[in-house]
Amino acid sequence: MDAGDAGWRCTSATKEGWRQVVAEGVWRELVLYGGGRRVDENCALCPRIAAIVDQIPEATTLARARGGEILLSILEPGTHLRAHCGPSNNRLTVHLGLVVPDGCKIRVAGETREWTQGKCLAFDDSFEHEVWHKGSQRRVVLLMNIWHPDITPEQKESSMEQQFEQSMNYRWH
């Protein structure tokens, strides 16, 4: 599968709107769950990953409720994502490192970390976060938004309308 194939959402520093989060370089995403549904045509491009993701209700229920997404995220070498914040603290973001070359870092609030291949990195994306890829190969992570573990079933239900309205109101600095 090539990141230039159909189904990939490509964002570069020249894009308009909320995707201006890309300060330099190229960020590509293949959305597996988004817009309240499983994106079957994209899941067909990576059936083994999709089959695993389908078994993670913490992520799929939030995505089906339009409170988050599940996607493959590729950063090309030299990419910098500006500091930005997610729409709500009702969810956490989990990154599973699939291809993690040297030189890739994420800062969440005041703490900087590196991804590890085969390991998950979880954070509250309502906190300001920023990403740098100073390596020489593509970085690939499986990104999943999951319900925050402290959210009750009642809060999940009542937050859905608010989550949807806020889902496109990202902030960056």
Foldseek 3Di string as FASTA:
>chain_A
DDLVDPQKDKAACPDDAPSVQKVGAMKIKRWQFAPLGGPVVSCVVPVVVSVVVVPDCQFNVCSNLRLWTKIKMKTAAFIKGFWKAFQDQQKKKKKAWADFDPQKWKAFQHDIDGHDHRDIDIGRRRTIMMIHHNDHGMTIITMTIGGDPVQDPVNSVVCSVVSNVRRRVMDGD
